[in-house]
Amino acid sequence: MSIEKGRAYFRALGMEDRVMEFDVSSATVDLAAKALGVEGARIAKTLSFKTNEGCMLILAAGDARIDNRKYKDKFHLKAKMLSADEVLEMVGHPVGGVCPFGINDGIPVYLDESLKRFKTVFPAVGSASSAIELNLDELFKYSKALEWIDVCKLPE
């Protein structure tokens, strides 16, 4: 089960006690925000994209959307998201619980600048009813992100 992979990841870091599980779904930004009692923008959603080598993950603020031009300029590829089946197979977590913790090996992870508006954010931990609160330094470190990138746009 995916939450166990996420929990094991944080257990190895001595941080499993910070993992939150809910009796309600947190599979979407709105549901996660409601479960946590925070604004949706603070949910660090994990987006899964196809690459020539397989896939990559981009964590972005809950209110951010991929800007196709910025994405193509950065990665020299058209932004193409994985299907739900591909996400589970390639990443190792189901849609709704996708996160960069306890994922399959070799997947590059990036953090979008849209997250930098907040001191702490809430990514999932492998299931559609989990989260962890991390500051931006922790998010960068524990997600094993390669770099901060700017490939999103915020609502007007």
Protein backbone atom coordinates (compact mmCIF):
# COMPACT_ATOMS: atom_id res chain seq x y z
CA MET A 1 0.00 0.00 0.00
CA SER A 2 1.32 3.41 -0.98
CA ILE A 3 0.77 5.15 2.37
CA GLU A 4 3.09 2.53 3.86
CA LYS A 5 5.83 3.50 1.38
CA GLY A 6 5.37 7.14 2.34
CA ARG A 7 5.31 6.36 6.06
CA ALA A 8 8.42 4.16 5.74
CA TYR A 9 10.22 7.00 3.95
CA PHE A 10 9.55 9.39 6.83
CA ARG A 11 10.11 6.67 9.48
CA ALA A 12 13.67 6.30 8.19
CA LEU A 13 14.10 10.06 8.72
CA GLY A 14 12.62 9.94 12.24
CA MET A 15 9.64 11.99 11.06
CA GLU A 16 6.81 9.47 10.77
CA ASP A 17 4.93 11.19 13.61
CA ARG A 18 4.42 14.22 11.31
CA VAL A 19 2.48 12.19 8.72
CA MET A 20 -1.24 12.93 8.94
CA GLU A 21 -3.99 10.56 7.82
CA PHE A 22 -7.62 11.58 7.49
CA ASP A 23 -10.99 9.85 7.70
CA VAL A 24 -11.97 11.82 4.61
CA SER A 25 -10.46 12.03 1.15
CA SER A 26 -7.70 14.53 0.46
CA ALA A 27 -7.34 13.39 -3.17
CA THR A 28 -7.89 16.83 -4.68
CA VAL A 29 -6.60 20.26 -3.71
CA ASP A 30 -10.05 21.30 -2.47
CA LEU A 31 -10.56 18.12 -0.44
CA ALA A 32 -7.06 18.31 1.05
CA ALA A 33 -7.53 21.98 1.98
CA LYS A 34 -10.84 21.14 3.66
CA ALA A 35 -9.35 18.16 5.55
CA LEU A 36 -6.44 20.32 6.78
CA GLY A 37 -8.35 23.56 7.33
CA VAL A 38 -5.97 25.58 5.13
CA GLU A 39 -6.28 27.54 1.89
CA GLY A 40 -6.01 25.39 -1.23
CA ALA A 41 -2.96 27.25 -2.52
CA ARG A 42 -0.91 25.74 0.37
CA ILE A 43 -1.53 22.20 -0.88
CA ALA A 44 1.63 21.08 -2.69
CA LYS A 45 0.12 19.10 -5.53
CA THR A 46 2.37 16.66 -7.35
CA LEU A 47 1.95 16.60 -11.12
CA SER A 48 3.29 13.66 -13.15
CA PHE A 49 4.56 14.24 -16.69
CA LYS A 50 5.86 12.00 -19.46
CA THR A 51 9.48 12.45 -20.50
CA ASN A 52 11.63 10.79 -23.13
CA GLU A 53 13.18 8.70 -20.32
CA GLY A 54 9.93 7.89 -18.49
CA CYS A 55 8.42 10.50 -16.19
CA MET A 56 9.10 13.40 -13.85
CA LEU A 57 7.27 15.01 -10.95
CA ILE A 58 6.63 18.71 -10.46
CA LEU A 59 5.29 19.97 -7.14
CA ALA A 60 3.28 23.18 -7.45
CA ALA A 61 0.98 25.30 -5.31
CA GLY A 62 -2.62 24.14 -5.23
CA ASP A 63 -3.86 27.17 -7.16
CA ALA A 64 -1.13 27.05 -9.84
CA ARG A 65 -1.56 25.70 -13.36
CA ILE A 66 1.10 24.52 -15.78
CA ASP A 67 2.02 27.22 -18.28
CA ASN A 68 2.59 25.24 -21.49
CA ARG A 69 5.00 27.81 -22.96
CA LYS A 70 7.17 27.95 -19.81
CA TYR A 71 7.13 24.15 -19.57
CA LYS A 72 8.21 23.71 -23.19
CA ASP A 73 10.91 26.36 -22.83
CA LYS A 74 12.29 24.59 -19.75
CA PHE A 75 12.06 20.95 -20.81
CA HIS A 76 11.92 21.16 -24.64
CA LEU A 77 8.88 18.87 -24.53
CA LYS A 78 5.13 19.35 -24.74
CA ALA A 79 3.55 19.01 -21.28
CA LYS A 80 1.84 15.61 -21.30
CA MET A 81 0.51 14.20 -18.05
CA LEU A 82 0.59 10.50 -17.22
CA SER A 83 -2.65 8.52 -17.13
CA ALA A 84 -3.81 7.18 -13.75
CA ASP A 85 -2.52 3.69 -14.63
CA GLU A 86 0.84 5.08 -15.75
CA VAL A 87 1.17 7.11 -12.54
CA LEU A 88 0.69 4.07 -10.32
CA GLU A 89 3.03 1.92 -12.39
CA MET A 90 5.78 4.47 -13.03
CA VAL A 91 5.73 6.52 -9.82
CA GLY A 92 4.46 3.95 -7.32
CA HIS A 93 1.63 5.98 -5.78
CA PRO A 94 -2.00 6.27 -6.91
CA VAL A 95 -3.55 9.45 -8.30
CA GLY A 96 -4.77 11.50 -5.35
CA GLY A 97 -1.79 10.42 -3.24
CA VAL A 98 1.07 11.12 -5.62
CA CYS A 99 4.05 12.61 -3.84
CA PRO A 100 7.84 12.53 -4.15
CA PHE A 101 8.30 10.39 -1.02
CA GLY A 102 8.93 6.66 -1.32
CA ILE A 103 8.69 6.73 -5.12
CA ASN A 104 10.26 4.41 -7.65
CA ASP A 105 13.95 5.06 -8.36
CA GLY A 106 15.19 7.40 -11.05
CA ILE A 107 12.31 9.88 -11.19
CA PRO A 108 13.43 13.51 -11.34
CA VAL A 109 11.56 15.86 -9.00
CA TYR A 110 11.20 19.63 -9.43
CA LEU A 111 9.60 22.29 -7.24
CA ASP A 112 7.72 25.14 -8.86
CA GLU A 113 8.30 28.73 -7.72
CA SER A 114 4.54 29.02 -7.00
CA LEU A 115 5.21 27.28 -3.65
CA LYS A 116 7.63 29.98 -2.49
CA ARG A 117 4.75 32.22 -1.35
CA PHE A 118 4.31 30.06 1.75
CA LYS A 119 6.40 29.20 4.83
CA THR A 120 4.95 25.68 4.93
CA VAL A 121 3.04 23.54 2.45
CA PHE A 122 1.19 20.22 2.56
CA PRO A 123 2.11 17.48 0.06
CA ALA A 124 0.44 14.05 0.14
CA VAL A 125 2.28 11.04 1.56
CA GLY A 126 1.23 8.31 -0.85
CA SER A 127 -2.51 7.96 -0.32
CA ALA A 128 -5.67 9.91 -1.08
CA SER A 129 -6.13 10.64 2.63
CA SER A 130 -2.69 11.74 3.83
CA ALA A 131 -0.44 14.79 4.11
CA ILE A 132 2.61 16.17 5.87
CA GLU A 133 3.40 19.79 6.68
CA LEU A 134 6.89 20.77 5.51
CA ASN A 135 8.73 24.07 5.26
CA LEU A 136 10.30 24.82 1.88
CA ASP A 137 13.80 23.72 2.89
CA GLU A 138 12.40 20.40 4.15
CA LEU A 139 10.33 19.99 1.00
CA PHE A 140 13.39 20.52 -1.19
CA LYS A 141 15.53 18.15 0.87
CA TYR A 142 13.04 15.32 1.44
CA SER A 143 11.60 15.41 -2.08
CA LYS A 144 15.18 15.16 -3.38
CA ALA A 145 14.27 17.94 -5.81
CA LEU A 146 16.77 18.76 -8.51
CA GLU A 147 15.91 22.47 -8.60
CA TRP A 148 13.33 25.21 -8.24
CA ILE A 149 11.72 25.94 -11.59
CA ASP A 150 9.16 28.40 -12.98
CA VAL A 151 6.68 26.50 -15.18
CA CYS A 152 3.34 27.54 -13.66
CA LYS A 153 0.95 30.44 -13.76
CA LEU A 154 -1.21 31.66 -10.91
CA PRO A 155 -4.85 32.69 -11.15
CA GLU A 156 -5.40 36.33 -12.08
